[in-house]
Amino acid sequence: IGRGGKQELELDRAAIAADGVKLYRRSGGGCAVVLDKGNLVVSVGLPLPGISHIKTTFERVGDWIIDGLASCGVPGVEQRGVSDLALGEKKIGGSCVYRTRGLFYYSTTLLVDPDFDLVDRYRPHPPREPEYRAGRGHREFMGSLKGMTLSNDASAFGQELQAALD
């Protein structure tokens, strides 16, 4: 769950407790996410003096990830809403940033082959949403890179993307 997130609004705590799922709070913002073996988390830490330039740096790192995705056979990704990576009207990644004096930290969760059943079980409809979500439920809004990449396995795709970003 994000730094300012509210568990009672963003999570089905009864289902999470019943399944014994670990819950973590991240330093970056944004709503809660469900991480499973079908997700690829990409994180970047950059030394950046001061505390300004958050939006510009956020967009540049997002563009770098988008270029890496294109190199891996996933063209057409764009930044949508506040922090999403999207293909058309489908979210394929959610991003957050954490900024301190001297450090810029960016993290995105790419939906390679997500378990939509878990998302439906643990996440009610979010308390806030980007305009392009248009009230759609998780399954209608979230996309997947499965079938678009050389590998449908998040770990293997992570190695492909890492090579593209180097």
N, C-alpha and C. Protein backbone atom coordinates (compact mmCIF):
# COMPACT_ATOMS: atom_id res chain seq x y z
N ILE A 1 0.86 -1.17 0.00
CA ILE A 1 0.00 0.00 0.00
C ILE A 1 0.90 1.24 0.00
N GLY A 2 0.47 2.26 -0.72
CA GLY A 2 1.27 3.47 -0.83
C GLY A 2 1.38 4.25 0.47
N ARG A 3 2.35 5.13 0.50
CA ARG A 3 2.68 5.93 1.68
C ARG A 3 1.45 6.57 2.32
N GLY A 4 0.58 7.17 1.54
CA GLY A 4 -0.59 7.84 2.08
C GLY A 4 -1.87 7.03 1.95
N GLY A 5 -1.74 5.75 1.56
CA GLY A 5 -2.92 4.92 1.32
C GLY A 5 -3.72 4.62 2.58
N LYS A 6 -4.99 4.34 2.37
CA LYS A 6 -5.89 4.00 3.47
C LYS A 6 -6.37 2.56 3.29
N GLN A 7 -5.89 1.68 4.17
CA GLN A 7 -6.21 0.26 4.06
C GLN A 7 -7.70 0.01 3.98
N GLU A 8 -8.48 0.72 4.80
CA GLU A 8 -9.91 0.46 4.86
C GLU A 8 -10.63 0.81 3.56
N LEU A 9 -10.03 1.64 2.72
CA LEU A 9 -10.62 2.01 1.43
C LEU A 9 -10.04 1.22 0.26
N GLU A 10 -8.78 0.80 0.38
CA GLU A 10 -8.08 0.22 -0.76
C GLU A 10 -7.94 -1.30 -0.72
N LEU A 11 -8.27 -1.91 0.41
CA LEU A 11 -8.00 -3.34 0.57
C LEU A 11 -9.20 -4.07 1.17
N ASP A 12 -9.35 -5.32 0.79
CA ASP A 12 -10.29 -6.20 1.48
C ASP A 12 -9.47 -6.90 2.57
N ARG A 13 -9.42 -6.27 3.72
CA ARG A 13 -8.55 -6.76 4.80
C ARG A 13 -8.98 -8.13 5.31
N ALA A 14 -10.26 -8.44 5.27
CA ALA A 14 -10.73 -9.76 5.72
C ALA A 14 -10.17 -10.86 4.81
N ALA A 15 -10.22 -10.66 3.51
CA ALA A 15 -9.70 -11.66 2.56
C ALA A 15 -8.19 -11.79 2.70
N ILE A 16 -7.51 -10.68 2.89
CA ILE A 16 -6.06 -10.68 3.05
C ILE A 16 -5.67 -11.46 4.30
N ALA A 17 -6.37 -11.20 5.41
CA ALA A 17 -6.09 -11.90 6.67
C ALA A 17 -6.42 -13.38 6.55
N ALA A 18 -7.55 -13.71 5.92
CA ALA A 18 -7.96 -15.11 5.79
C ALA A 18 -6.94 -15.92 4.99
N ASP A 19 -6.31 -15.28 4.00
CA ASP A 19 -5.34 -15.96 3.15
C ASP A 19 -3.91 -15.86 3.69
N GLY A 20 -3.71 -15.12 4.77
CA GLY A 20 -2.38 -14.97 5.36
C GLY A 20 -1.41 -14.20 4.47
N VAL A 21 -1.94 -13.27 3.71
CA VAL A 21 -1.10 -12.49 2.80
C VAL A 21 -0.37 -11.40 3.58
N LYS A 22 0.91 -11.23 3.28
CA LYS A 22 1.70 -10.17 3.91
C LYS A 22 1.35 -8.83 3.27
N LEU A 23 1.23 -7.84 4.11
CA LEU A 23 0.92 -6.50 3.66
C LEU A 23 2.09 -5.59 4.00
N TYR A 24 2.53 -4.82 3.01
CA TYR A 24 3.66 -3.91 3.20
C TYR A 24 3.26 -2.50 2.81
N ARG A 25 3.86 -1.52 3.47
CA ARG A 25 3.68 -0.12 3.08
C ARG A 25 4.96 0.30 2.35
N ARG A 26 4.78 0.90 1.18
CA ARG A 26 5.94 1.37 0.42
C ARG A 26 6.14 2.86 0.65
N SER A 27 7.34 3.31 0.42
CA SER A 27 7.66 4.73 0.62
C SER A 27 7.01 5.61 -0.44
N GLY A 28 6.84 5.08 -1.65
CA GLY A 28 6.22 5.86 -2.72
C GLY A 28 4.72 5.96 -2.54
N GLY A 29 4.11 6.85 -3.30
CA GLY A 29 2.68 7.09 -3.19
C GLY A 29 1.85 6.14 -4.04
N GLY A 30 0.61 6.52 -4.22
CA GLY A 30 -0.30 5.73 -5.04
C GLY A 30 -1.13 4.76 -4.23
N CYS A 31 -2.12 4.19 -4.90
CA CYS A 31 -3.01 3.22 -4.26
C CYS A 31 -2.31 1.87 -4.12
N ALA A 32 -2.95 1.00 -3.38
CA ALA A 32 -2.41 -0.34 -3.12
C ALA A 32 -2.31 -1.15 -4.41
N VAL A 33 -1.37 -2.07 -4.44
CA VAL A 33 -1.20 -2.99 -5.56
C VAL A 33 -1.11 -4.41 -5.02
N VAL A 34 -1.47 -5.35 -5.87
CA VAL A 34 -1.32 -6.77 -5.55
C VAL A 34 -0.12 -7.26 -6.34
N LEU A 35 0.88 -7.77 -5.63
CA LEU A 35 2.07 -8.29 -6.29
C LEU A 35 2.00 -9.81 -6.29
N ASP A 36 2.15 -10.40 -7.46
CA ASP A 36 2.19 -11.85 -7.58
C ASP A 36 3.28 -12.22 -8.57
N LYS A 37 3.48 -13.50 -8.81
CA LYS A 37 4.59 -13.93 -9.66
C LYS A 37 4.44 -13.49 -11.12
N GLY A 38 3.28 -12.99 -11.50
CA GLY A 38 3.07 -12.49 -12.85
C GLY A 38 3.39 -11.02 -13.01
N ASN A 39 3.89 -10.39 -11.95
CA ASN A 39 4.26 -8.97 -11.99
C ASN A 39 5.78 -8.84 -12.06
N LEU A 40 6.21 -7.80 -12.71
CA LEU A 40 7.62 -7.45 -12.75
C LEU A 40 7.77 -6.06 -12.14
N VAL A 41 8.51 -5.95 -11.06
CA VAL A 41 8.75 -4.66 -10.42
C VAL A 41 10.09 -4.13 -10.90
N VAL A 42 10.07 -2.94 -11.47
CA VAL A 42 11.27 -2.27 -11.95
C VAL A 42 11.48 -1.03 -11.09
N SER A 43 12.63 -0.95 -10.45
CA SER A 43 12.92 0.18 -9.57
C SER A 43 14.23 0.83 -9.96
N VAL A 44 14.27 2.16 -9.83
CA VAL A 44 15.44 2.94 -10.19
C VAL A 44 15.66 3.99 -9.11
N GLY A 45 16.87 4.06 -8.60
CA GLY A 45 17.25 5.11 -7.67
C GLY A 45 18.29 6.00 -8.32
N LEU A 46 18.06 7.29 -8.28
CA LEU A 46 18.98 8.24 -8.91
C LEU A 46 19.40 9.32 -7.92
N PRO A 47 20.70 9.64 -7.88
CA PRO A 47 21.10 10.78 -7.06
C PRO A 47 20.62 12.05 -7.75
N LEU A 48 19.87 12.85 -7.03
CA LEU A 48 19.35 14.08 -7.60
C LEU A 48 19.31 15.11 -6.48
N PRO A 49 20.20 16.10 -6.54
CA PRO A 49 20.28 17.07 -5.45
C PRO A 49 18.99 17.89 -5.31
N GLY A 50 18.72 18.29 -4.09
CA GLY A 50 17.54 19.10 -3.80
C GLY A 50 16.29 18.26 -3.78
N ILE A 51 15.13 18.94 -3.82
CA ILE A 51 13.87 18.21 -3.80
C ILE A 51 12.95 18.62 -4.95
N SER A 52 13.45 19.36 -5.91
CA SER A 52 12.62 19.81 -7.02
C SER A 52 12.73 18.83 -8.19
N HIS A 53 12.11 19.19 -9.28
CA HIS A 53 12.17 18.44 -10.54
C HIS A 53 11.51 17.06 -10.46
N ILE A 54 10.55 16.86 -9.58
CA ILE A 54 9.91 15.55 -9.43
C ILE A 54 9.17 15.17 -10.70
N LYS A 55 8.31 16.05 -11.20
CA LYS A 55 7.48 15.72 -12.36
C LYS A 55 8.33 15.46 -13.60
N THR A 56 9.30 16.31 -13.86
CA THR A 56 10.16 16.14 -15.03
C THR A 56 10.94 14.84 -14.95
N THR A 57 11.54 14.57 -13.81
CA THR A 57 12.32 13.33 -13.65
C THR A 57 11.41 12.12 -13.75
N PHE A 58 10.25 12.19 -13.15
CA PHE A 58 9.28 11.10 -13.22
C PHE A 58 8.94 10.77 -14.67
N GLU A 59 8.67 11.80 -15.47
CA GLU A 59 8.34 11.60 -16.88
C GLU A 59 9.53 11.04 -17.67
N ARG A 60 10.73 11.51 -17.38
CA ARG A 60 11.92 11.03 -18.10
C ARG A 60 12.20 9.56 -17.80
N VAL A 61 12.09 9.18 -16.54
CA VAL A 61 12.31 7.77 -16.19
C VAL A 61 11.21 6.92 -16.82
N GLY A 62 9.97 7.40 -16.79
CA GLY A 62 8.88 6.68 -17.46
C GLY A 62 9.15 6.50 -18.94
N ASP A 63 9.63 7.54 -19.60
CA ASP A 63 9.98 7.44 -21.02
C ASP A 63 11.09 6.42 -21.26
N TRP A 64 12.06 6.36 -20.36
CA TRP A 64 13.15 5.39 -20.46
C TRP A 64 12.60 3.96 -20.38
N ILE A 65 11.67 3.73 -19.45
CA ILE A 65 11.05 2.41 -19.32
C ILE A 65 10.25 2.10 -20.59
N ILE A 66 9.52 3.09 -21.10
CA ILE A 66 8.73 2.91 -22.32
C ILE A 66 9.64 2.55 -23.49
N ASP A 67 10.79 3.21 -23.62
CA ASP A 67 11.75 2.88 -24.68
C ASP A 67 12.26 1.45 -24.52
N GLY A 68 12.54 1.05 -23.28
CA GLY A 68 12.97 -0.32 -23.02
C GLY A 68 11.90 -1.33 -23.39
N LEU A 69 10.66 -1.04 -23.08
CA LEU A 69 9.56 -1.93 -23.45
C LEU A 69 9.45 -2.06 -24.96
N ALA A 70 9.59 -0.96 -25.67
CA ALA A 70 9.55 -1.00 -27.14
C ALA A 70 10.66 -1.87 -27.69
N SER A 71 11.85 -1.79 -27.09
CA SER A 71 12.98 -2.62 -27.53
C SER A 71 12.71 -4.10 -27.28
N CYS A 72 11.83 -4.40 -26.34
CA CYS A 72 11.49 -5.79 -26.01
C CYS A 72 10.24 -6.27 -26.76
N GLY A 73 9.79 -5.51 -27.73
CA GLY A 73 8.64 -5.94 -28.53
C GLY A 73 7.30 -5.45 -28.02
N VAL A 74 7.30 -4.43 -27.16
CA VAL A 74 6.04 -3.87 -26.63
C VAL A 74 6.00 -2.38 -27.02
N PRO A 75 5.66 -2.09 -28.28
CA PRO A 75 5.59 -0.69 -28.70
C PRO A 75 4.26 -0.06 -28.31
N GLY A 76 4.22 1.26 -28.32
CA GLY A 76 2.97 1.98 -28.14
C GLY A 76 2.58 2.26 -26.70
N VAL A 77 3.45 1.96 -25.75
CA VAL A 77 3.14 2.26 -24.35
C VAL A 77 3.27 3.77 -24.14
N GLU A 78 2.36 4.32 -23.37
CA GLU A 78 2.42 5.75 -23.05
C GLU A 78 2.07 5.96 -21.59
N GLN A 79 2.47 7.13 -21.09
CA GLN A 79 2.14 7.49 -19.71
C GLN A 79 0.74 8.09 -19.72
N ARG A 80 -0.11 7.55 -18.83
CA ARG A 80 -1.49 8.01 -18.73
C ARG A 80 -1.81 8.29 -17.27
N GLY A 81 -2.82 9.12 -17.04
CA GLY A 81 -3.19 9.45 -15.68
C GLY A 81 -2.01 10.11 -14.97
N VAL A 82 -1.91 9.90 -13.69
CA VAL A 82 -0.81 10.48 -12.91
C VAL A 82 0.45 9.65 -13.09
N SER A 83 0.33 8.32 -13.07
CA SER A 83 1.54 7.51 -13.00
C SER A 83 1.43 6.16 -13.71
N ASP A 84 0.44 5.99 -14.57
CA ASP A 84 0.26 4.69 -15.22
C ASP A 84 1.07 4.59 -16.51
N LEU A 85 1.40 3.35 -16.84
CA LEU A 85 1.91 3.01 -18.16
C LEU A 85 0.76 2.25 -18.82
N ALA A 86 0.38 2.66 -20.02
CA ALA A 86 -0.81 2.09 -20.65
C ALA A 86 -0.56 1.77 -22.12
N LEU A 87 -1.27 0.76 -22.56
CA LEU A 87 -1.37 0.42 -23.97
C LEU A 87 -2.82 0.68 -24.35
N GLY A 88 -3.05 1.73 -25.12
CA GLY A 88 -4.42 2.10 -25.43
C GLY A 88 -5.15 2.45 -24.15
N GLU A 89 -6.27 1.80 -23.93
CA GLU A 89 -7.09 2.06 -22.75
C GLU A 89 -6.82 1.11 -21.60
N LYS A 90 -5.77 0.27 -21.71
CA LYS A 90 -5.46 -0.72 -20.69
C LYS A 90 -4.20 -0.34 -19.92
N LYS A 91 -4.30 -0.39 -18.61
CA LYS A 91 -3.15 -0.15 -17.75
C LYS A 91 -2.28 -1.40 -17.75
N ILE A 92 -0.99 -1.22 -18.05
CA ILE A 92 -0.06 -2.36 -18.00
C ILE A 92 1.02 -2.13 -16.95
N GLY A 93 0.95 -0.98 -16.28
CA GLY A 93 1.91 -0.70 -15.22
C GLY A 93 1.48 0.50 -14.39
N GLY A 94 1.73 0.39 -13.11
CA GLY A 94 1.49 1.51 -12.21
C GLY A 94 2.81 1.92 -11.60
N SER A 95 3.03 3.21 -11.47
CA SER A 95 4.32 3.71 -11.01
C SER A 95 4.15 4.61 -9.81
N CYS A 96 5.22 4.71 -9.04
CA CYS A 96 5.24 5.65 -7.92
C CYS A 96 6.65 6.20 -7.78
N VAL A 97 6.74 7.31 -7.08
CA VAL A 97 8.04 7.91 -6.79
C VAL A 97 8.14 8.21 -5.31
N TYR A 98 9.37 8.26 -4.87
CA TYR A 98 9.70 8.67 -3.52
C TYR A 98 10.88 9.61 -3.66
N ARG A 99 10.78 10.77 -3.05
CA ARG A 99 11.81 11.80 -3.24
C ARG A 99 12.30 12.29 -1.89
N THR A 100 13.60 12.28 -1.72
CA THR A 100 14.22 12.91 -0.56
C THR A 100 15.27 13.88 -1.09
N ARG A 101 15.84 14.64 -0.19
CA ARG A 101 16.92 15.53 -0.60
C ARG A 101 18.10 14.65 -1.02
N GLY A 102 18.41 14.67 -2.30
CA GLY A 102 19.54 13.91 -2.79
C GLY A 102 19.19 12.58 -3.45
N LEU A 103 17.94 12.13 -3.38
CA LEU A 103 17.58 10.84 -3.97
C LEU A 103 16.21 10.91 -4.66
N PHE A 104 16.14 10.34 -5.84
CA PHE A 104 14.88 10.16 -6.56
C PHE A 104 14.71 8.66 -6.76
N TYR A 105 13.63 8.11 -6.24
CA TYR A 105 13.36 6.67 -6.36
C TYR A 105 12.07 6.49 -7.15
N TYR A 106 12.15 5.68 -8.22
CA TYR A 106 11.01 5.38 -9.09
C TYR A 106 10.80 3.88 -9.08
N SER A 107 9.55 3.48 -9.02
CA SER A 107 9.24 2.06 -9.09
C SER A 107 7.97 1.88 -9.91
N THR A 108 7.97 0.88 -10.77
CA THR A 108 6.78 0.55 -11.54
C THR A 108 6.53 -0.95 -11.46
N THR A 109 5.29 -1.33 -11.42
CA THR A 109 4.90 -2.73 -11.44
C THR A 109 4.30 -3.01 -12.81
N LEU A 110 5.00 -3.83 -13.61
CA LEU A 110 4.52 -4.17 -14.94
C LEU A 110 3.69 -5.45 -14.87
N LEU A 111 2.55 -5.42 -15.52
CA LEU A 111 1.63 -6.55 -15.52
C LEU A 111 1.98 -7.48 -16.67
N VAL A 112 2.86 -8.44 -16.41
CA VAL A 112 3.29 -9.38 -17.44
C VAL A 112 2.23 -10.47 -17.59
N ASP A 113 1.88 -11.13 -16.51
CA ASP A 113 0.84 -12.16 -16.50
C ASP A 113 0.20 -12.17 -15.12
N PRO A 114 -0.51 -11.08 -14.79
CA PRO A 114 -1.05 -10.93 -13.43
C PRO A 114 -2.17 -11.91 -13.14
N ASP A 115 -2.35 -12.19 -11.86
CA ASP A 115 -3.45 -13.04 -11.40
C ASP A 115 -4.63 -12.12 -11.08
N PHE A 116 -5.52 -11.94 -12.04
CA PHE A 116 -6.64 -11.04 -11.87
C PHE A 116 -7.60 -11.51 -10.77
N ASP A 117 -7.63 -12.82 -10.52
CA ASP A 117 -8.47 -13.32 -9.42
C ASP A 117 -8.01 -12.75 -8.08
N LEU A 118 -6.68 -12.66 -7.88
CA LEU A 118 -6.16 -12.09 -6.64
C LEU A 118 -6.48 -10.60 -6.54
N VAL A 119 -6.35 -9.90 -7.65
CA VAL A 119 -6.66 -8.46 -7.64
C VAL A 119 -8.12 -8.26 -7.26
N ASP A 120 -9.01 -9.03 -7.87
CA ASP A 120 -10.43 -8.92 -7.54
C ASP A 120 -10.71 -9.29 -6.08
N ARG A 121 -9.98 -10.25 -5.57
CA ARG A 121 -10.21 -10.71 -4.19
C ARG A 121 -9.72 -9.68 -3.16
N TYR A 122 -8.56 -9.08 -3.39
CA TYR A 122 -7.94 -8.24 -2.37
C TYR A 122 -8.18 -6.74 -2.55
N ARG A 123 -8.60 -6.31 -3.72
CA ARG A 123 -8.74 -4.88 -3.99
C ARG A 123 -10.15 -4.51 -4.39
N PRO A 124 -10.86 -3.75 -3.58
CA PRO A 124 -12.12 -3.19 -4.06
C PRO A 124 -11.80 -2.13 -5.13
N HIS A 125 -12.82 -1.59 -5.73
CA HIS A 125 -12.60 -0.50 -6.69
C HIS A 125 -11.86 0.62 -5.96
N PRO A 126 -10.81 1.19 -6.58
CA PRO A 126 -10.01 2.20 -5.87
C PRO A 126 -10.80 3.45 -5.54
N PRO A 127 -10.41 4.12 -4.45
CA PRO A 127 -11.11 5.33 -4.04
C PRO A 127 -10.88 6.51 -4.98
N ARG A 128 -9.82 6.46 -5.76
CA ARG A 128 -9.58 7.47 -6.79
C ARG A 128 -9.05 6.75 -8.02
N GLU A 129 -9.32 7.33 -9.18
CA GLU A 129 -8.91 6.67 -10.41
C GLU A 129 -8.61 7.70 -11.49
N PRO A 130 -7.75 7.34 -12.45
CA PRO A 130 -7.49 8.27 -13.55
C PRO A 130 -8.74 8.34 -14.45
N GLU A 131 -8.87 9.44 -15.13
CA GLU A 131 -10.04 9.66 -15.99
C GLU A 131 -10.21 8.54 -17.01
N TYR A 132 -9.13 8.04 -17.59
CA TYR A 132 -9.26 7.03 -18.64
C TYR A 132 -9.75 5.68 -18.12
N ARG A 133 -9.75 5.47 -16.80
CA ARG A 133 -10.32 4.23 -16.25
C ARG A 133 -11.83 4.20 -16.47
N ALA A 134 -12.45 5.35 -16.39
CA ALA A 134 -13.87 5.52 -16.69
C ALA A 134 -14.78 4.57 -15.92
N GLY A 135 -14.45 4.32 -14.64
CA GLY A 135 -15.29 3.49 -13.79
C GLY A 135 -15.20 2.00 -14.04
N ARG A 136 -14.32 1.58 -14.95
CA ARG A 136 -14.22 0.16 -15.28
C ARG A 136 -13.64 -0.64 -14.12
N GLY A 137 -14.09 -1.88 -13.99
CA GLY A 137 -13.55 -2.80 -12.99
C GLY A 137 -12.13 -3.20 -13.33
N HIS A 138 -11.49 -3.89 -12.40
CA HIS A 138 -10.08 -4.28 -12.58
C HIS A 138 -9.85 -5.03 -13.89
N ARG A 139 -10.64 -6.06 -14.15
CA ARG A 139 -10.41 -6.90 -15.34
C ARG A 139 -10.60 -6.14 -16.65
N GLU A 140 -11.49 -5.17 -16.66
CA GLU A 140 -11.73 -4.40 -17.88
C GLU A 140 -10.68 -3.31 -18.07
N PHE A 141 -10.07 -2.88 -16.97
CA PHE A 141 -9.12 -1.77 -17.00
C PHE A 141 -7.68 -2.24 -17.13
N MET A 142 -7.33 -3.30 -16.44
CA MET A 142 -5.94 -3.77 -16.41
C MET A 142 -5.64 -4.64 -17.62
N GLY A 143 -4.45 -4.45 -18.18
CA GLY A 143 -4.01 -5.25 -19.30
C GLY A 143 -2.93 -6.22 -18.85
N SER A 144 -2.32 -6.86 -19.82
CA SER A 144 -1.27 -7.83 -19.57
C SER A 144 -0.32 -7.84 -20.75
N LEU A 145 0.95 -8.04 -20.46
CA LEU A 145 1.94 -8.16 -21.53
C LEU A 145 2.04 -9.59 -22.05
N LYS A 146 1.31 -10.50 -21.45
CA LYS A 146 1.34 -11.90 -21.87
C LYS A 146 1.00 -12.00 -23.36
N GLY A 147 1.84 -12.73 -24.07
CA GLY A 147 1.63 -12.89 -25.50
C GLY A 147 2.21 -11.77 -26.34
N MET A 148 2.64 -10.68 -25.70
CA MET A 148 3.21 -9.55 -26.45
C MET A 148 4.72 -9.58 -26.43
N THR A 149 5.31 -10.33 -25.51
CA THR A 149 6.75 -10.31 -25.32
C THR A 149 7.34 -11.65 -25.73
N LEU A 150 8.66 -11.72 -25.75
CA LEU A 150 9.32 -12.97 -26.06
C LEU A 150 9.07 -14.02 -24.99
N SER A 151 8.78 -13.56 -23.78
CA SER A 151 8.53 -14.48 -22.67
C SER A 151 7.29 -14.04 -21.91
N ASN A 152 6.44 -15.00 -21.55
CA ASN A 152 5.26 -14.70 -20.75
C ASN A 152 5.57 -14.80 -19.26
N ASP A 153 6.79 -15.17 -18.91
CA ASP A 153 7.22 -15.29 -17.53
C ASP A 153 7.82 -13.96 -17.08
N ALA A 154 7.32 -13.43 -15.96
CA ALA A 154 7.77 -12.11 -15.51
C ALA A 154 9.27 -12.07 -15.23
N SER A 155 9.81 -13.13 -14.65
CA SER A 155 11.24 -13.15 -14.34
C SER A 155 12.09 -13.13 -15.62
N ALA A 156 11.72 -13.96 -16.58
CA ALA A 156 12.46 -13.99 -17.84
C ALA A 156 12.32 -12.66 -18.58
N PHE A 157 11.11 -12.10 -18.57
CA PHE A 157 10.92 -10.81 -19.22
C PHE A 157 11.74 -9.73 -18.52
N GLY A 158 11.89 -9.85 -17.21
CA GLY A 158 12.71 -8.90 -16.46
C GLY A 158 14.14 -8.89 -16.96
N GLN A 159 14.68 -10.06 -17.28
CA GLN A 159 16.04 -10.12 -17.81
C GLN A 159 16.11 -9.48 -19.19
N GLU A 160 15.09 -9.67 -20.02
CA GLU A 160 15.05 -9.04 -21.34
C GLU A 160 15.01 -7.52 -21.20
N LEU A 161 14.15 -7.06 -20.30
CA LEU A 161 14.01 -5.61 -20.13
C LEU A 161 15.27 -5.01 -19.54
N GLN A 162 15.88 -5.69 -18.59
CA GLN A 162 17.12 -5.18 -18.01
C GLN A 162 18.19 -5.00 -19.08
N ALA A 163 18.30 -5.98 -19.97
CA ALA A 163 19.28 -5.87 -21.07
C ALA A 163 18.96 -4.68 -21.97
N ALA A 164 17.67 -4.46 -22.22
CA ALA A 164 17.26 -3.34 -23.08
C ALA A 164 17.53 -1.99 -22.42
N LEU A 165 17.47 -1.95 -21.08
CA LEU A 165 17.66 -0.69 -20.37
C LEU A 165 19.12 -0.37 -20.09
N ASP A 166 19.98 -1.36 -20.18
CA ASP A 166 21.42 -1.14 -19.92
C ASP A 166 22.06 -0.27 -20.98
